[in-house]
Amino acid sequence: MHSFLLKTFGGLTTSYYVRQFIFGAIFAALILSLMSSSPTGFTGKSGVVFMSIVCTILYPYSRFVYESVVGYIMGNNVFFVNAILMLMVKVFTMAMCWSLAIFVAPVGLAYLYWRNSRQISQ
């Protein structure tokens, strides 16, 4: 079991995971602060709090999948675009990766397990 966890959840570098985790935590903090300012607060919204935590933990793996797919499609090309437009697209893709992390991250975890299993056996 330890080997499985190490090959999947330990498959990303620590610096990459921490960096992406911080960005995911920002989204969770925004949602939780909006919930706390509502008239009912967190009453009856434990599911949203739970999903925010799960999405934040899985966000780095979701972002890994997104960056891998985009990197494969785009290759080493460089595009020159307006910085404001690029930041808006970046925030949008981060929000999508965070909100869909529960569905996308298992793909990344499966790939990391497969990749790390191959590296160890060779």
C-alpha atoms as a PDB file:
ATOM      1  CA  MET A   1       0.000   0.000   0.000  1.00  0.00           C
ATOM      2  CA  HIS A   2       2.859   2.357   0.825  1.00  0.00           C
ATOM      3  CA  SER A   3       4.353   1.718  -2.627  1.00  0.00           C
ATOM      4  CA  PHE A   4       1.039   2.565  -4.296  1.00  0.00           C
ATOM      5  CA  LEU A   5       0.711   5.860  -2.411  1.00  0.00           C
ATOM      6  CA  LEU A   6       4.315   6.764  -3.125  1.00  0.00           C
ATOM      7  CA  LYS A   7       3.940   6.063  -6.857  1.00  0.00           C
ATOM      8  CA  THR A   8       0.712   8.072  -7.172  1.00  0.00           C
ATOM      9  CA  PHE A   9       0.463  10.880  -4.637  1.00  0.00           C
ATOM     10  CA  GLY A  10       4.244  11.156  -4.330  1.00  0.00           C
ATOM     11  CA  GLY A  11       4.702  11.290  -8.094  1.00  0.00           C
ATOM     12  CA  LEU A  12       4.971  15.077  -8.373  1.00  0.00           C
ATOM     13  CA  THR A  13       7.948  17.056  -7.194  1.00  0.00           C
ATOM     14  CA  THR A  14       7.430  18.715  -3.830  1.00  0.00           C
ATOM     15  CA  SER A  15       7.994  22.214  -5.194  1.00  0.00           C
ATOM     16  CA  TYR A  16       5.433  21.703  -7.979  1.00  0.00           C
ATOM     17  CA  TYR A  17       2.867  20.244  -5.576  1.00  0.00           C
ATOM     18  CA  VAL A  18       3.287  23.034  -3.009  1.00  0.00           C
ATOM     19  CA  ARG A  19       3.106  25.760  -5.674  1.00  0.00           C
ATOM     20  CA  GLN A  20      -0.079  24.344  -7.201  1.00  0.00           C
ATOM     21  CA  PHE A  21      -1.534  23.581  -3.763  1.00  0.00           C
ATOM     22  CA  ILE A  22      -1.163  27.256  -2.803  1.00  0.00           C
ATOM     23  CA  PHE A  23      -3.025  28.326  -5.949  1.00  0.00           C
ATOM     24  CA  GLY A  24      -5.758  25.778  -5.188  1.00  0.00           C
ATOM     25  CA  ALA A  25      -5.980  26.997  -1.605  1.00  0.00           C
ATOM     26  CA  ILE A  26      -6.611  30.513  -2.907  1.00  0.00           C
ATOM     27  CA  PHE A  27      -9.721  29.280  -4.745  1.00  0.00           C
ATOM     28  CA  ALA A  28     -10.915  27.438  -1.627  1.00  0.00           C
ATOM     29  CA  ALA A  29     -10.303  30.536   0.505  1.00  0.00           C
ATOM     30  CA  LEU A  30     -12.329  32.666  -1.906  1.00  0.00           C
ATOM     31  CA  ILE A  31     -15.267  30.276  -1.846  1.00  0.00           C
ATOM     32  CA  LEU A  32     -15.166  29.821   1.917  1.00  0.00           C
ATOM     33  CA  SER A  33     -14.931  33.575   2.507  1.00  0.00           C
ATOM     34  CA  LEU A  34     -17.953  34.121   0.265  1.00  0.00           C
ATOM     35  CA  MET A  35     -19.825  31.446   2.202  1.00  0.00           C
ATOM     36  CA  SER A  36     -18.902  32.960   5.559  1.00  0.00           C
ATOM     37  CA  SER A  37     -20.208  36.360   4.503  1.00  0.00           C
ATOM     38  CA  SER A  38     -23.609  34.949   3.518  1.00  0.00           C
ATOM     39  CA  PRO A  39     -26.468  35.384   6.015  1.00  0.00           C
ATOM     40  CA  THR A  40     -26.579  31.653   6.835  1.00  0.00           C
ATOM     41  CA  GLY A  41     -22.797  31.223   6.993  1.00  0.00           C
ATOM     42  CA  PHE A  42     -21.646  27.602   6.854  1.00  0.00           C
ATOM     43  CA  THR A  43     -24.935  26.223   8.175  1.00  0.00           C
ATOM     44  CA  GLY A  44     -25.998  23.253   6.067  1.00  0.00           C
ATOM     45  CA  LYS A  45     -23.105  23.681   3.650  1.00  0.00           C
ATOM     46  CA  SER A  46     -20.720  21.028   4.909  1.00  0.00           C
ATOM     47  CA  GLY A  47     -20.710  19.424   1.449  1.00  0.00           C
ATOM     48  CA  VAL A  48     -19.297  22.586  -0.110  1.00  0.00           C
ATOM     49  CA  VAL A  49     -16.603  22.794   2.547  1.00  0.00           C
ATOM     50  CA  PHE A  50     -15.712  19.123   2.031  1.00  0.00           C
ATOM     51  CA  MET A  51     -15.585  19.487  -1.766  1.00  0.00           C
ATOM     52  CA  SER A  52     -13.439  22.615  -1.437  1.00  0.00           C
ATOM     53  CA  ILE A  53     -10.925  20.668   0.623  1.00  0.00           C
ATOM     54  CA  VAL A  54     -10.938  17.690  -1.757  1.00  0.00           C
ATOM     55  CA  CYS A  55     -10.572  19.901  -4.837  1.00  0.00           C
ATOM     56  CA  THR A  56      -7.708  21.785  -3.208  1.00  0.00           C
ATOM     57  CA  ILE A  57      -5.842  18.577  -2.385  1.00  0.00           C
ATOM     58  CA  LEU A  58      -6.408  17.148  -5.886  1.00  0.00           C
ATOM     59  CA  TYR A  59      -5.819  20.405  -7.784  1.00  0.00           C
ATOM     60  CA  PRO A  60      -2.062  19.872  -8.331  1.00  0.00           C
ATOM     61  CA  TYR A  61      -2.756  16.543 -10.055  1.00  0.00           C
ATOM     62  CA  SER A  62      -5.521  18.081 -12.143  1.00  0.00           C
ATOM     63  CA  ARG A  63      -3.216  20.913 -13.158  1.00  0.00           C
ATOM     64  CA  PHE A  64      -0.514  18.354 -14.008  1.00  0.00           C
ATOM     65  CA  VAL A  65      -2.909  16.660 -16.439  1.00  0.00           C
ATOM     66  CA  TYR A  66      -3.896  19.986 -17.999  1.00  0.00           C
ATOM     67  CA  GLU A  67      -0.296  21.160 -18.423  1.00  0.00           C
ATOM     68  CA  SER A  68       0.765  17.780 -19.827  1.00  0.00           C
ATOM     69  CA  VAL A  69      -2.012  17.772 -22.432  1.00  0.00           C
ATOM     70  CA  VAL A  70      -1.433  21.406 -23.425  1.00  0.00           C
ATOM     71  CA  GLY A  71       2.324  20.830 -23.546  1.00  0.00           C
ATOM     72  CA  TYR A  72       1.837  17.823 -25.812  1.00  0.00           C
ATOM     73  CA  ILE A  73      -0.498  19.713 -28.162  1.00  0.00           C
ATOM     74  CA  MET A  74       1.413  23.003 -28.264  1.00  0.00           C
ATOM     75  CA  GLY A  75       4.949  21.620 -28.204  1.00  0.00           C
ATOM     76  CA  ASN A  76       7.708  24.177 -27.723  1.00  0.00           C
ATOM     77  CA  ASN A  77       5.882  26.977 -29.538  1.00  0.00           C
ATOM     78  CA  VAL A  78       5.854  30.486 -28.119  1.00  0.00           C
ATOM     79  CA  PHE A  79       2.906  32.829 -28.568  1.00  0.00           C
ATOM     80  CA  PHE A  80       2.989  36.569 -28.043  1.00  0.00           C
ATOM     81  CA  VAL A  81      -0.356  37.804 -26.731  1.00  0.00           C
ATOM     82  CA  ASN A  82      -1.724  40.589 -24.572  1.00  0.00           C
ATOM     83  CA  ALA A  83      -0.703  40.050 -20.918  1.00  0.00           C
ATOM     84  CA  ILE A  84      -4.171  40.885 -19.564  1.00  0.00           C
ATOM     85  CA  LEU A  85      -5.769  38.349 -21.915  1.00  0.00           C
ATOM     86  CA  MET A  86      -3.209  35.736 -20.950  1.00  0.00           C
ATOM     87  CA  LEU A  87      -3.788  36.296 -17.224  1.00  0.00           C
ATOM     88  CA  MET A  88      -7.554  36.013 -17.705  1.00  0.00           C
ATOM     89  CA  VAL A  89      -7.129  32.748 -19.611  1.00  0.00           C
ATOM     90  CA  LYS A  90      -4.723  31.483 -16.941  1.00  0.00           C
ATOM     91  CA  VAL A  91      -7.147  32.243 -14.103  1.00  0.00           C
ATOM     92  CA  PHE A  92     -10.000  30.654 -16.080  1.00  0.00           C
ATOM     93  CA  THR A  93      -8.028  27.447 -16.701  1.00  0.00           C
ATOM     94  CA  MET A  94      -6.936  27.346 -13.054  1.00  0.00           C
ATOM     95  CA  ALA A  95     -10.559  27.707 -11.935  1.00  0.00           C
ATOM     96  CA  MET A  96     -11.633  24.959 -14.321  1.00  0.00           C
ATOM     97  CA  CYS A  97      -8.857  22.622 -13.135  1.00  0.00           C
ATOM     98  CA  TRP A  98      -9.751  23.320  -9.502  1.00  0.00           C
ATOM     99  CA  SER A  99     -13.493  22.855  -9.923  1.00  0.00           C
ATOM    100  CA  LEU A 100     -13.081  19.673 -12.013  1.00  0.00           C
ATOM    101  CA  ALA A 101     -10.176  18.276  -9.978  1.00  0.00           C
ATOM    102  CA  ILE A 102     -12.239  15.414  -8.568  1.00  0.00           C
ATOM    103  CA  PHE A 103     -12.813  14.155 -12.138  1.00  0.00           C
ATOM    104  CA  VAL A 104      -9.485  15.057 -13.797  1.00  0.00           C
ATOM    105  CA  ALA A 105      -7.015  14.231 -11.015  1.00  0.00           C
ATOM    106  CA  PRO A 106      -7.609  10.441 -11.133  1.00  0.00           C
ATOM    107  CA  VAL A 107      -6.275  10.504 -14.706  1.00  0.00           C
ATOM    108  CA  GLY A 108      -3.103  12.204 -13.476  1.00  0.00           C
ATOM    109  CA  LEU A 109      -2.773   9.848 -10.526  1.00  0.00           C
ATOM    110  CA  ALA A 110      -3.161   6.810 -12.796  1.00  0.00           C
ATOM    111  CA  TYR A 111      -0.541   8.188 -15.189  1.00  0.00           C
ATOM    112  CA  LEU A 112       1.870   8.943 -12.336  1.00  0.00           C
ATOM    113  CA  TYR A 113       1.418   5.399 -11.001  1.00  0.00           C
ATOM    114  CA  TRP A 114       2.054   3.930 -14.443  1.00  0.00           C
ATOM    115  CA  ARG A 115       5.077   6.166 -15.103  1.00  0.00           C
ATOM    116  CA  ASN A 116       6.641   5.560 -11.695  1.00  0.00           C
ATOM    117  CA  SER A 117       6.009   1.803 -11.898  1.00  0.00           C
ATOM    118  CA  ARG A 118       7.840   1.680 -15.237  1.00  0.00           C
ATOM    119  CA  GLN A 119      10.787   3.686 -13.919  1.00  0.00           C
ATOM    120  CA  ILE A 120      11.268   1.414 -10.927  1.00  0.00           C
ATOM    121  CA  SER A 121      11.064  -1.802 -12.978  1.00  0.00           C
ATOM    122  CA  GLN A 122      13.645  -0.655 -15.526  1.00  0.00           C
END
